[in-house]
Amino acid sequence: MLQAEVVDGRPVVIFSCLGAHAMPSRRESRGGTWVLPAESLLGPYDVDAAYPLTDDSLYVGRLLRRRDDGQWLLFAFRNAGEDGGFVGGITDPMPVAWQGGRLVRVDAARAAIA
């Protein structure tokens, strides 16, 4: 499933793909939820520019925008634990922000300072 959003003025699509289902050149990333930058919500899309937002410990990430302050948050399913086994459940909200031209998860302590 794809989700297209404009996050702080920049269009992105997020999607999920684990390493086992990725193109051979991307299998080493073990990515769970990916970011695909776009020129607009309607594209064009450069799939080669996609990068992982999470590793395979989190999967099926979704972006939501908090109403009171406009902060974008990532929620995801807990997928794989340290032992590689399925965990289950949904994460607490994880702030995301643009850093160096990439959408990244922001450490809660750093988000409080910013």
PDB file of N, CA and C in Angstrom:
ATOM      1  N   MET A   1       0.837  -1.171   0.000  1.00  0.00           N
ATOM      2  CA  MET A   1       0.000   0.000   0.000  1.00  0.00           C
ATOM      3  C   MET A   1       0.888   1.243   0.000  1.00  0.00           C
ATOM      4  N   LEU A   2       0.524   2.207  -0.797  1.00  0.00           N
ATOM      5  CA  LEU A   2       1.259   3.461  -0.907  1.00  0.00           C
ATOM      6  C   LEU A   2       0.518   4.563  -0.163  1.00  0.00           C
ATOM      7  N   GLN A   3       1.276   5.491   0.394  1.00  0.00           N
ATOM      8  CA  GLN A   3       0.698   6.685   1.002  1.00  0.00           C
ATOM      9  C   GLN A   3       1.441   7.883   0.445  1.00  0.00           C
ATOM     10  N   ALA A   4       0.704   8.792  -0.179  1.00  0.00           N
ATOM     11  CA  ALA A   4       1.296  10.021  -0.720  1.00  0.00           C
ATOM     12  C   ALA A   4       0.898  11.181   0.184  1.00  0.00           C
ATOM     13  N   GLU A   5       1.879  11.993   0.576  1.00  0.00           N
ATOM     14  CA  GLU A   5       1.647  13.137   1.452  1.00  0.00           C
ATOM     15  C   GLU A   5       2.565  14.278   1.042  1.00  0.00           C
ATOM     16  N   VAL A   6       2.204  15.483   1.443  1.00  0.00           N
ATOM     17  CA  VAL A   6       3.105  16.623   1.329  1.00  0.00           C
ATOM     18  C   VAL A   6       3.548  16.931   2.751  1.00  0.00           C
ATOM     19  N   VAL A   7       4.787  16.603   3.053  1.00  0.00           N
ATOM     20  CA  VAL A   7       5.343  16.757   4.398  1.00  0.00           C
ATOM     21  C   VAL A   7       6.195  18.021   4.413  1.00  0.00           C
ATOM     22  N   ASP A   8       5.722  19.010   5.148  1.00  0.00           N
ATOM     23  CA  ASP A   8       6.429  20.295   5.249  1.00  0.00           C
ATOM     24  C   ASP A   8       6.800  20.838   3.873  1.00  0.00           C
ATOM     25  N   GLY A   9       5.829  20.786   2.958  1.00  0.00           N
ATOM     26  CA  GLY A   9       5.986  21.360   1.630  1.00  0.00           C
ATOM     27  C   GLY A   9       6.644  20.470   0.595  1.00  0.00           C
ATOM     28  N   ARG A  10       7.039  19.249   0.977  1.00  0.00           N
ATOM     29  CA  ARG A  10       7.719  18.350   0.040  1.00  0.00           C
ATOM     30  C   ARG A  10       6.896  17.085  -0.179  1.00  0.00           C
ATOM     31  N   PRO A  11       6.534  16.788  -1.420  1.00  0.00           N
ATOM     32  CA  PRO A  11       5.767  15.572  -1.697  1.00  0.00           C
ATOM     33  C   PRO A  11       6.614  14.312  -1.530  1.00  0.00           C
ATOM     34  N   VAL A  12       6.028  13.313  -0.917  1.00  0.00           N
ATOM     35  CA  VAL A  12       6.675  12.011  -0.750  1.00  0.00           C
ATOM     36  C   VAL A  12       5.626  10.914  -0.863  1.00  0.00           C
ATOM     37  N   VAL A  13       6.099   9.742  -1.162  1.00  0.00           N
ATOM     38  CA  VAL A  13       5.284   8.531  -1.100  1.00  0.00           C
ATOM     39  C   VAL A  13       6.008   7.606  -0.147  1.00  0.00           C
ATOM     40  N   ILE A  14       5.281   6.989   0.764  1.00  0.00           N
ATOM     41  CA  ILE A  14       5.902   5.963   1.594  1.00  0.00           C
ATOM     42  C   ILE A  14       5.237   4.628   1.263  1.00  0.00           C
ATOM     43  N   PHE A  15       6.046   3.585   1.345  1.00  0.00           N
ATOM     44  CA  PHE A  15       5.572   2.238   1.048  1.00  0.00           C
ATOM     45  C   PHE A  15       6.415   1.254   1.837  1.00  0.00           C
ATOM     46  N   SER A  16       5.962   0.025   1.900  1.00  0.00           N
ATOM     47  CA  SER A  16       6.689  -1.000   2.643  1.00  0.00           C
ATOM     48  C   SER A  16       7.199  -2.081   1.709  1.00  0.00           C
ATOM     49  N   CYS A  17       8.408  -2.526   1.988  1.00  0.00           N
ATOM     50  CA  CYS A  17       8.997  -3.633   1.245  1.00  0.00           C
ATOM     51  C   CYS A  17      10.138  -4.200   2.076  1.00  0.00           C
ATOM     52  N   LEU A  18      10.040  -5.455   2.422  1.00  0.00           N
ATOM     53  CA  LEU A  18      11.122  -6.119   3.146  1.00  0.00           C
ATOM     54  C   LEU A  18      12.188  -6.583   2.161  1.00  0.00           C
ATOM     55  N   GLY A  19      13.385  -6.797   2.652  1.00  0.00           N
ATOM     56  CA  GLY A  19      14.505  -7.173   1.807  1.00  0.00           C
ATOM     57  C   GLY A  19      14.239  -8.381   0.923  1.00  0.00           C
ATOM     58  N   ALA A  20      13.531  -9.367   1.444  1.00  0.00           N
ATOM     59  CA  ALA A  20      13.265 -10.579   0.667  1.00  0.00           C
ATOM     60  C   ALA A  20      12.437 -10.298  -0.580  1.00  0.00           C
ATOM     61  N   HIS A  21      11.714  -9.190  -0.607  1.00  0.00           N
ATOM     62  CA  HIS A  21      10.848  -8.855  -1.741  1.00  0.00           C
ATOM     63  C   HIS A  21      11.402  -7.709  -2.574  1.00  0.00           C
ATOM     64  N   ALA A  22      12.545  -7.180  -2.192  1.00  0.00           N
ATOM     65  CA  ALA A  22      13.127  -6.023  -2.874  1.00  0.00           C
ATOM     66  C   ALA A  22      13.889  -6.447  -4.130  1.00  0.00           C
ATOM     67  N   MET A  23      14.208  -5.453  -4.956  1.00  0.00           N
ATOM     68  CA  MET A  23      15.063  -5.694  -6.108  1.00  0.00           C
ATOM     69  C   MET A  23      16.400  -6.222  -5.591  1.00  0.00           C
ATOM     70  N   PRO A  24      17.094  -7.025  -6.363  1.00  0.00           N
ATOM     71  CA  PRO A  24      18.378  -7.567  -5.895  1.00  0.00           C
ATOM     72  C   PRO A  24      19.342  -6.491  -5.394  1.00  0.00           C
ATOM     73  N   SER A  25      19.359  -5.330  -6.018  1.00  0.00           N
ATOM     74  CA  SER A  25      20.290  -4.277  -5.599  1.00  0.00           C
ATOM     75  C   SER A  25      19.914  -3.650  -4.262  1.00  0.00           C
ATOM     76  N   ARG A  26      18.708  -3.898  -3.761  1.00  0.00           N
ATOM     77  CA  ARG A  26      18.251  -3.299  -2.501  1.00  0.00           C
ATOM     78  C   ARG A  26      18.091  -4.303  -1.370  1.00  0.00           C
ATOM     79  N   ARG A  27      18.317  -5.563  -1.605  1.00  0.00           N
ATOM     80  CA  ARG A  27      18.052  -6.586  -0.589  1.00  0.00           C
ATOM     81  C   ARG A  27      18.889  -6.432   0.661  1.00  0.00           C
ATOM     82  N   GLU A  28      20.083  -5.887   0.553  1.00  0.00           N
ATOM     83  CA  GLU A  28      20.954  -5.753   1.725  1.00  0.00           C
ATOM     84  C   GLU A  28      20.428  -4.732   2.714  1.00  0.00           C
ATOM     85  N   SER A  29      19.529  -3.846   2.310  1.00  0.00           N
ATOM     86  CA  SER A  29      19.064  -2.782   3.200  1.00  0.00           C
ATOM     87  C   SER A  29      18.133  -3.297   4.292  1.00  0.00           C
ATOM     88  N   ARG A  30      17.475  -4.414   4.077  1.00  0.00           N
ATOM     89  CA  ARG A  30      16.500  -4.972   5.016  1.00  0.00           C
ATOM     90  C   ARG A  30      15.391  -3.978   5.312  1.00  0.00           C
ATOM     91  N   GLY A  31      15.201  -2.985   4.468  1.00  0.00           N
ATOM     92  CA  GLY A  31      14.218  -1.939   4.703  1.00  0.00           C
ATOM     93  C   GLY A  31      12.833  -2.478   4.987  1.00  0.00           C
ATOM     94  N   GLY A  32      12.105  -1.752   5.791  1.00  0.00           N
ATOM     95  CA  GLY A  32      10.719  -2.078   6.085  1.00  0.00           C
ATOM     96  C   GLY A  32       9.815  -1.051   5.433  1.00  0.00           C
ATOM     97  N   THR A  33       9.898   0.217   5.873  1.00  0.00           N
ATOM     98  CA  THR A  33       9.132   1.310   5.295  1.00  0.00           C
ATOM     99  C   THR A  33      10.100   2.226   4.559  1.00  0.00           C
ATOM    100  N   TRP A  34       9.748   2.572   3.332  1.00  0.00           N
ATOM    101  CA  TRP A  34      10.612   3.342   2.440  1.00  0.00           C
ATOM    102  C   TRP A  34      10.001   4.701   2.140  1.00  0.00           C
ATOM    103  N   VAL A  35      10.851   5.667   1.798  1.00  0.00           N
ATOM    104  CA  VAL A  35      10.433   6.999   1.355  1.00  0.00           C
ATOM    105  C   VAL A  35      10.817   7.142  -0.109  1.00  0.00           C
ATOM    106  N   LEU A  36       9.875   7.624  -0.897  1.00  0.00           N
ATOM    107  CA  LEU A  36      10.115   7.904  -2.306  1.00  0.00           C
ATOM    108  C   LEU A  36       9.835   9.385  -2.536  1.00  0.00           C
ATOM    109  N   PRO A  37      10.873  10.219  -2.678  1.00  0.00           N
ATOM    110  CA  PRO A  37      10.657  11.636  -2.946  1.00  0.00           C
ATOM    111  C   PRO A  37       9.971  11.804  -4.305  1.00  0.00           C
ATOM    112  N   ALA A  38       9.168  12.845  -4.428  1.00  0.00           N
ATOM    113  CA  ALA A  38       8.439  13.077  -5.683  1.00  0.00           C
ATOM    114  C   ALA A  38       8.416  14.560  -6.013  1.00  0.00           C
ATOM    115  N   GLU A  39       8.195  14.874  -7.272  1.00  0.00           N
ATOM    116  CA  GLU A  39       8.059  16.269  -7.677  1.00  0.00           C
ATOM    117  C   GLU A  39       6.677  16.804  -7.322  1.00  0.00           C
ATOM    118  N   SER A  40       5.681  15.916  -7.303  1.00  0.00           N
ATOM    119  CA  SER A  40       4.320  16.266  -6.892  1.00  0.00           C
ATOM    120  C   SER A  40       3.647  14.978  -6.440  1.00  0.00           C
ATOM    121  N   LEU A  41       2.449  15.092  -5.885  1.00  0.00           N
ATOM    122  CA  LEU A  41       1.745  13.890  -5.458  1.00  0.00           C
ATOM    123  C   LEU A  41       1.397  12.985  -6.638  1.00  0.00           C
ATOM    124  N   LEU A  42       1.332  13.575  -7.832  1.00  0.00           N
ATOM    125  CA  LEU A  42       1.007  12.812  -9.027  1.00  0.00           C
ATOM    126  C   LEU A  42       2.244  12.336  -9.788  1.00  0.00           C
ATOM    127  N   GLY A  43       3.433  12.599  -9.241  1.00  0.00           N
ATOM    128  CA  GLY A  43       4.672  12.178  -9.875  1.00  0.00           C
ATOM    129  C   GLY A  43       5.314  13.332 -10.615  1.00  0.00           C
ATOM    130  N   PRO A  44       6.313  13.054 -11.385  1.00  0.00           N
ATOM    131  CA  PRO A  44       6.879  11.731 -11.643  1.00  0.00           C
ATOM    132  C   PRO A  44       7.641  11.188 -10.434  1.00  0.00           C
ATOM    133  N   TYR A  45       7.811   9.879 -10.454  1.00  0.00           N
ATOM    134  CA  TYR A  45       8.486   9.192  -9.362  1.00  0.00           C
ATOM    135  C   TYR A  45       9.755   8.527  -9.874  1.00  0.00           C
ATOM    136  N   ASP A  46      10.851   8.731  -9.184  1.00  0.00           N
ATOM    137  CA  ASP A  46      12.115   8.080  -9.496  1.00  0.00           C
ATOM    138  C   ASP A  46      12.326   6.995  -8.446  1.00  0.00           C
ATOM    139  N   VAL A  47      11.910   5.783  -8.764  1.00  0.00           N
ATOM    140  CA  VAL A  47      11.961   4.681  -7.801  1.00  0.00           C
ATOM    141  C   VAL A  47      13.389   4.420  -7.327  1.00  0.00           C
ATOM    142  N   ASP A  48      14.373   4.684  -8.172  1.00  0.00           N
ATOM    143  CA  ASP A  48      15.766   4.486  -7.766  1.00  0.00           C
ATOM    144  C   ASP A  48      16.171   5.435  -6.636  1.00  0.00           C
ATOM    145  N   ALA A  49      15.420   6.518  -6.437  1.00  0.00           N
ATOM    146  CA  ALA A  49      15.735   7.483  -5.377  1.00  0.00           C
ATOM    147  C   ALA A  49      15.134   7.090  -4.027  1.00  0.00           C
ATOM    148  N   ALA A  50      14.365   6.006  -3.971  1.00  0.00           N
ATOM    149  CA  ALA A  50      13.752   5.564  -2.712  1.00  0.00           C
ATOM    150  C   ALA A  50      14.827   5.155  -1.715  1.00  0.00           C
ATOM    151  N   TYR A  51      14.542   5.412  -0.450  1.00  0.00           N
ATOM    152  CA  TYR A  51      15.481   5.037   0.616  1.00  0.00           C
ATOM    153  C   TYR A  51      14.694   4.573   1.832  1.00  0.00           C
ATOM    154  N   PRO A  52      15.293   3.708   2.660  1.00  0.00           N
ATOM    155  CA  PRO A  52      14.565   3.186   3.827  1.00  0.00           C
ATOM    156  C   PRO A  52      14.396   4.236   4.928  1.00  0.00           C
ATOM    157  N   LEU A  53      13.194   4.316   5.446  1.00  0.00           N
ATOM    158  CA  LEU A  53      12.891   5.144   6.615  1.00  0.00           C
ATOM    159  C   LEU A  53      13.044   4.312   7.881  1.00  0.00           C
ATOM    160  N   THR A  54      12.785   3.026   7.774  1.00  0.00           N
ATOM    161  CA  THR A  54      12.952   2.094   8.896  1.00  0.00           C
ATOM    162  C   THR A  54      13.673   0.853   8.393  1.00  0.00           C
ATOM    163  N   ASP A  55      14.170   0.068   9.328  1.00  0.00           N
ATOM    164  CA  ASP A  55      14.681  -1.248   8.950  1.00  0.00           C
ATOM    165  C   ASP A  55      13.534  -2.250   9.080  1.00  0.00           C
ATOM    166  N   ASP A  56      13.841  -3.534   9.008  1.00  0.00           N
ATOM    167  CA  ASP A  56      12.772  -4.534   9.013  1.00  0.00           C
ATOM    168  C   ASP A  56      12.154  -4.775  10.391  1.00  0.00           C
ATOM    169  N   SER A  57      12.630  -4.072  11.407  1.00  0.00           N
ATOM    170  CA  SER A  57      11.979  -4.188  12.717  1.00  0.00           C
ATOM    171  C   SER A  57      10.620  -3.484  12.720  1.00  0.00           C
ATOM    172  N   LEU A  58      10.423  -2.563  11.785  1.00  0.00           N
ATOM    173  CA  LEU A  58       9.162  -1.845  11.648  1.00  0.00           C
ATOM    174  C   LEU A  58       8.657  -2.003  10.225  1.00  0.00           C
ATOM    175  N   TYR A  59       7.338  -2.104  10.077  1.00  0.00           N
ATOM    176  CA  TYR A  59       6.757  -2.381   8.768  1.00  0.00           C
ATOM    177  C   TYR A  59       5.407  -1.691   8.641  1.00  0.00           C
ATOM    178  N   VAL A  60       4.985  -1.461   7.420  1.00  0.00           N
ATOM    179  CA  VAL A  60       3.696  -0.842   7.097  1.00  0.00           C
ATOM    180  C   VAL A  60       3.549   0.500   7.819  1.00  0.00           C
ATOM    181  N   GLY A  61       4.564   1.329   7.699  1.00  0.00           N
ATOM    182  CA  GLY A  61       4.528   2.651   8.316  1.00  0.00           C
ATOM    183  C   GLY A  61       3.508   3.566   7.660  1.00  0.00           C
ATOM    184  N   ARG A  62       2.936   4.445   8.463  1.00  0.00           N
ATOM    185  CA  ARG A  62       1.983   5.439   7.983  1.00  0.00           C
ATOM    186  C   ARG A  62       2.299   6.773   8.628  1.00  0.00           C
ATOM    187  N   LEU A  63       2.181   7.835   7.834  1.00  0.00           N
ATOM    188  CA  LEU A  63       2.393   9.181   8.334  1.00  0.00           C
ATOM    189  C   LEU A  63       1.064   9.800   8.732  1.00  0.00           C
ATOM    190  N   LEU A  64       1.054  10.449   9.875  1.00  0.00           N
ATOM    191  CA  LEU A  64      -0.103  11.212  10.351  1.00  0.00           C
ATOM    192  C   LEU A  64       0.405  12.567  10.824  1.00  0.00           C
ATOM    193  N   ARG A  65      -0.423  13.578  10.663  1.00  0.00           N
ATOM    194  CA  ARG A  65      -0.037  14.928  11.086  1.00  0.00           C
ATOM    195  C   ARG A  65      -0.834  15.305  12.324  1.00  0.00           C
ATOM    196  N   ARG A  66      -0.112  15.677  13.373  1.00  0.00           N
ATOM    197  CA  ARG A  66      -0.759  16.072  14.620  1.00  0.00           C
ATOM    198  C   ARG A  66      -1.466  17.415  14.406  1.00  0.00           C
ATOM    199  N   ARG A  67      -2.708  17.508  14.831  1.00  0.00           N
ATOM    200  CA  ARG A  67      -3.510  18.710  14.595  1.00  0.00           C
ATOM    201  C   ARG A  67      -3.025  19.933  15.355  1.00  0.00           C
ATOM    202  N   ASP A  68      -2.610  19.752  16.601  1.00  0.00           N
ATOM    203  CA  ASP A  68      -2.319  20.934  17.427  1.00  0.00           C
ATOM    204  C   ASP A  68      -1.057  21.681  17.021  1.00  0.00           C
ATOM    205  N   ASP A  69      -0.041  20.974  16.506  1.00  0.00           N
ATOM    206  CA  ASP A  69       1.196  21.673  16.154  1.00  0.00           C
ATOM    207  C   ASP A  69       1.696  21.366  14.740  1.00  0.00           C
ATOM    208  N   GLY A  70       0.998  20.522  14.007  1.00  0.00           N
ATOM    209  CA  GLY A  70       1.380  20.217  12.629  1.00  0.00           C
ATOM    210  C   GLY A  70       2.532  19.243  12.480  1.00  0.00           C
ATOM    211  N   GLN A  71       3.051  18.700  13.586  1.00  0.00           N
ATOM    212  CA  GLN A  71       4.177  17.757  13.535  1.00  0.00           C
ATOM    213  C   GLN A  71       3.755  16.480  12.802  1.00  0.00           C
ATOM    214  N   TRP A  72       4.595  16.048  11.860  1.00  0.00           N
ATOM    215  CA  TRP A  72       4.372  14.779  11.175  1.00  0.00           C
ATOM    216  C   TRP A  72       4.924  13.648  12.022  1.00  0.00           C
ATOM    217  N   LEU A  73       4.155  12.561  12.105  1.00  0.00           N
ATOM    218  CA  LEU A  73       4.503  11.410  12.934  1.00  0.00           C
ATOM    219  C   LEU A  73       4.407  10.130  12.119  1.00  0.00           C
ATOM    220  N   LEU A  74       5.291   9.218  12.412  1.00  0.00           N
ATOM    221  CA  LEU A  74       5.261   7.898  11.798  1.00  0.00           C
ATOM    222  C   LEU A  74       4.737   6.897  12.815  1.00  0.00           C
ATOM    223  N   PHE A  75       3.798   6.081  12.396  1.00  0.00           N
ATOM    224  CA  PHE A  75       3.333   4.934  13.163  1.00  0.00           C
ATOM    225  C   PHE A  75       3.648   3.714  12.311  1.00  0.00           C
ATOM    226  N   ALA A  76       4.020   2.609  12.935  1.00  0.00           N
ATOM    227  CA  ALA A  76       4.332   1.401  12.173  1.00  0.00           C
ATOM    228  C   ALA A  76       4.019   0.167  13.011  1.00  0.00           C
ATOM    229  N   PHE A  77       3.894  -0.960  12.343  1.00  0.00           N
ATOM    230  CA  PHE A  77       3.751  -2.232  13.033  1.00  0.00           C
ATOM    231  C   PHE A  77       5.132  -2.726  13.432  1.00  0.00           C
ATOM    232  N   ARG A  78       5.204  -3.301  14.619  1.00  0.00           N
ATOM    233  CA  ARG A  78       6.447  -3.957  15.042  1.00  0.00           C
ATOM    234  C   ARG A  78       6.521  -5.289  14.304  1.00  0.00           C
ATOM    235  N   ASN A  79       7.559  -5.464  13.558  1.00  0.00           N
ATOM    236  CA  ASN A  79       7.684  -6.649  12.721  1.00  0.00           C
ATOM    237  C   ASN A  79       8.641  -7.659  13.329  1.00  0.00           C
ATOM    238  N   ALA A  80       9.935  -7.412  13.234  1.00  0.00           N
ATOM    239  CA  ALA A  80      10.938  -8.385  13.670  1.00  0.00           C
ATOM    240  C   ALA A  80      11.655  -7.909  14.924  1.00  0.00           C
ATOM    241  N   GLY A  81      11.795  -8.800  15.882  1.00  0.00           N
ATOM    242  CA  GLY A  81      12.544  -8.496  17.099  1.00  0.00           C
ATOM    243  C   GLY A  81      14.021  -8.794  16.909  1.00  0.00           C
ATOM    244  N   GLU A  82      14.790  -8.638  17.960  1.00  0.00           N
ATOM    245  CA  GLU A  82      16.233  -8.883  17.895  1.00  0.00           C
ATOM    246  C   GLU A  82      16.558 -10.311  17.476  1.00  0.00           C
ATOM    247  N   ASP A  83      15.684 -11.254  17.834  1.00  0.00           N
ATOM    248  CA  ASP A  83      15.911 -12.653  17.465  1.00  0.00           C
ATOM    249  C   ASP A  83      15.380 -12.986  16.074  1.00  0.00           C
ATOM    250  N   GLY A  84      14.806 -11.982  15.379  1.00  0.00           N
ATOM    251  CA  GLY A  84      14.257 -12.198  14.042  1.00  0.00           C
ATOM    252  C   GLY A  84      12.830 -12.666  14.034  1.00  0.00           C
ATOM    253  N   GLY A  85      12.271 -12.962  15.221  1.00  0.00           N
ATOM    254  CA  GLY A  85      10.896 -13.426  15.301  1.00  0.00           C
ATOM    255  C   GLY A  85       9.899 -12.275  15.240  1.00  0.00           C
ATOM    256  N   PHE A  86       8.669 -12.599  14.857  1.00  0.00           N
ATOM    257  CA  PHE A  86       7.612 -11.600  14.750  1.00  0.00           C
ATOM    258  C   PHE A  86       7.263 -11.048  16.127  1.00  0.00           C
ATOM    259  N   VAL A  87       7.091  -9.715  16.213  1.00  0.00           N
ATOM    260  CA  VAL A  87       6.780  -9.049  17.475  1.00  0.00           C
ATOM    261  C   VAL A  87       5.301  -8.710  17.558  1.00  0.00           C
ATOM    262  N   GLY A  88       4.783  -7.966  16.593  1.00  0.00           N
ATOM    263  CA  GLY A  88       3.385  -7.538  16.582  1.00  0.00           C
ATOM    264  C   GLY A  88       3.178  -6.262  17.378  1.00  0.00           C
ATOM    265  N   GLY A  89       2.052  -5.621  17.170  1.00  0.00           N
ATOM    266  CA  GLY A  89       1.711  -4.389  17.863  1.00  0.00           C
ATOM    267  C   GLY A  89       2.093  -3.167  17.043  1.00  0.00           C
ATOM    268  N   ILE A  90       1.621  -2.033  17.498  1.00  0.00           N
ATOM    269  CA  ILE A  90       1.860  -0.763  16.810  1.00  0.00           C
ATOM    270  C   ILE A  90       2.764   0.101  17.679  1.00  0.00           C
ATOM    271  N   THR A  91       3.663   0.837  17.033  1.00  0.00           N
ATOM    272  CA  THR A  91       4.596   1.704  17.743  1.00  0.00           C
ATOM    273  C   THR A  91       3.882   2.914  18.335  1.00  0.00           C
ATOM    274  N   ASP A  92       4.546   3.565  19.249  1.00  0.00           N
ATOM    275  CA  ASP A  92       4.153   4.896  19.657  1.00  0.00           C
ATOM    276  C   ASP A  92       4.476   5.828  18.495  1.00  0.00           C
ATOM    277  N   PRO A  93       3.912   7.037  18.483  1.00  0.00           N
ATOM    278  CA  PRO A  93       4.231   7.971  17.401  1.00  0.00           C
ATOM    279  C   PRO A  93       5.714   8.343  17.414  1.00  0.00           C
ATOM    280  N   MET A  94       6.295   8.384  16.221  1.00  0.00           N
ATOM    281  CA  MET A  94       7.705   8.740  16.052  1.00  0.00           C
ATOM    282  C   MET A  94       7.770   9.982  15.170  1.00  0.00           C
ATOM    283  N   PRO A  95       8.249  11.106  15.686  1.00  0.00           N
ATOM    284  CA  PRO A  95       8.346  12.309  14.855  1.00  0.00           C
ATOM    285  C   PRO A  95       9.271  12.081  13.661  1.00  0.00           C
ATOM    286  N   VAL A  96       8.927  12.705  12.535  1.00  0.00           N
ATOM    287  CA  VAL A  96       9.775  12.695  11.354  1.00  0.00           C
ATOM    288  C   VAL A  96      10.038  14.139  10.942  1.00  0.00           C
ATOM    289  N   ALA A  97      11.152  14.353  10.267  1.00  0.00           N
ATOM    290  CA  ALA A  97      11.516  15.696   9.801  1.00  0.00           C
ATOM    291  C   ALA A  97      12.471  15.559   8.631  1.00  0.00           C
ATOM    292  N   TRP A  98      12.641  16.643   7.909  1.00  0.00           N
ATOM    293  CA  TRP A  98      13.601  16.685   6.806  1.00  0.00           C
ATOM    294  C   TRP A  98      14.981  17.026   7.351  1.00  0.00           C
ATOM    295  N   GLN A  99      15.956  16.201   7.008  1.00  0.00           N
ATOM    296  CA  GLN A  99      17.347  16.456   7.376  1.00  0.00           C
ATOM    297  C   GLN A  99      18.214  16.109   6.174  1.00  0.00           C
ATOM    298  N   GLY A 100      18.967  17.081   5.692  1.00  0.00           N
ATOM    299  CA  GLY A 100      19.827  16.827   4.548  1.00  0.00           C
ATOM    300  C   GLY A 100      19.079  16.376   3.311  1.00  0.00           C
ATOM    301  N   GLY A 101      17.859  16.867   3.120  1.00  0.00           N
ATOM    302  CA  GLY A 101      17.069  16.498   1.952  1.00  0.00           C
ATOM    303  C   GLY A 101      16.376  15.158   2.048  1.00  0.00           C
ATOM    304  N   ARG A 102      16.434  14.527   3.222  1.00  0.00           N
ATOM    305  CA  ARG A 102      15.784  13.222   3.409  1.00  0.00           C
ATOM    306  C   ARG A 102      14.809  13.283   4.572  1.00  0.00           C
ATOM    307  N   LEU A 103      13.695  12.593   4.447  1.00  0.00           N
ATOM    308  CA  LEU A 103      12.756  12.456   5.546  1.00  0.00           C
ATOM    309  C   LEU A 103      13.287  11.369   6.464  1.00  0.00           C
ATOM    310  N   VAL A 104      13.463  11.699   7.744  1.00  0.00           N
ATOM    311  CA  VAL A 104      14.047  10.759   8.702  1.00  0.00           C
ATOM    312  C   VAL A 104      13.231  10.767   9.997  1.00  0.00           C
ATOM    313  N   ARG A 105      13.354   9.689  10.750  1.00  0.00           N
ATOM    314  CA  ARG A 105      12.779   9.647  12.089  1.00  0.00           C
ATOM    315  C   ARG A 105      13.644  10.500  12.993  1.00  0.00           C
ATOM    316  N   VAL A 106      13.005  11.261  13.874  1.00  0.00           N
ATOM    317  CA  VAL A 106      13.724  12.154  14.765  1.00  0.00           C
ATOM    318  C   VAL A 106      13.666  11.599  16.161  1.00  0.00           C
ATOM    319  N   ASP A 107      14.815  11.523  16.816  1.00  0.00           N
ATOM    320  CA  ASP A 107      14.907  11.088  18.205  1.00  0.00           C
ATOM    321  C   ASP A 107      14.018  11.985  19.050  1.00  0.00           C
ATOM    322  N   ALA A 108      13.239  11.418  19.962  1.00  0.00           N
ATOM    323  CA  ALA A 108      12.304  12.196  20.795  1.00  0.00           C
ATOM    324  C   ALA A 108      13.012  13.293  21.581  1.00  0.00           C
ATOM    325  N   ALA A 109      14.201  13.024  22.075  1.00  0.00           N
ATOM    326  CA  ALA A 109      14.920  14.045  22.846  1.00  0.00           C
ATOM    327  C   ALA A 109      15.327  15.211  21.946  1.00  0.00           C
ATOM    328  N   ARG A 110      15.766  14.924  20.739  1.00  0.00           N
ATOM    329  CA  ARG A 110      16.143  15.979  19.806  1.00  0.00           C
ATOM    330  C   ARG A 110      14.916  16.752  19.367  1.00  0.00           C
ATOM    331  N   ALA A 111      13.761  16.077  19.203  1.00  0.00           N
ATOM    332  CA  ALA A 111      12.545  16.765  18.788  1.00  0.00           C
ATOM    333  C   ALA A 111      12.108  17.764  19.841  1.00  0.00           C
ATOM    334  N   ALA A 112      12.307  17.435  21.102  1.00  0.00           N
ATOM    335  CA  ALA A 112      11.911  18.350  22.191  1.00  0.00           C
ATOM    336  C   ALA A 112      12.772  19.593  22.205  1.00  0.00           C
ATOM    337  N   ILE A 113      14.031  19.459  21.777  1.00  0.00           N
ATOM    338  CA  ILE A 113      14.945  20.594  21.762  1.00  0.00           C
ATOM    339  C   ILE A 113      14.656  21.505  20.581  1.00  0.00           C
ATOM    340  N   ALA A 114      14.289  20.931  19.450  1.00  0.00           N
ATOM    341  CA  ALA A 114      14.086  21.700  18.210  1.00  0.00           C
ATOM    342  C   ALA A 114      12.918  22.643  18.256  1.00  0.00           C
TER     343      ALA A 114
END
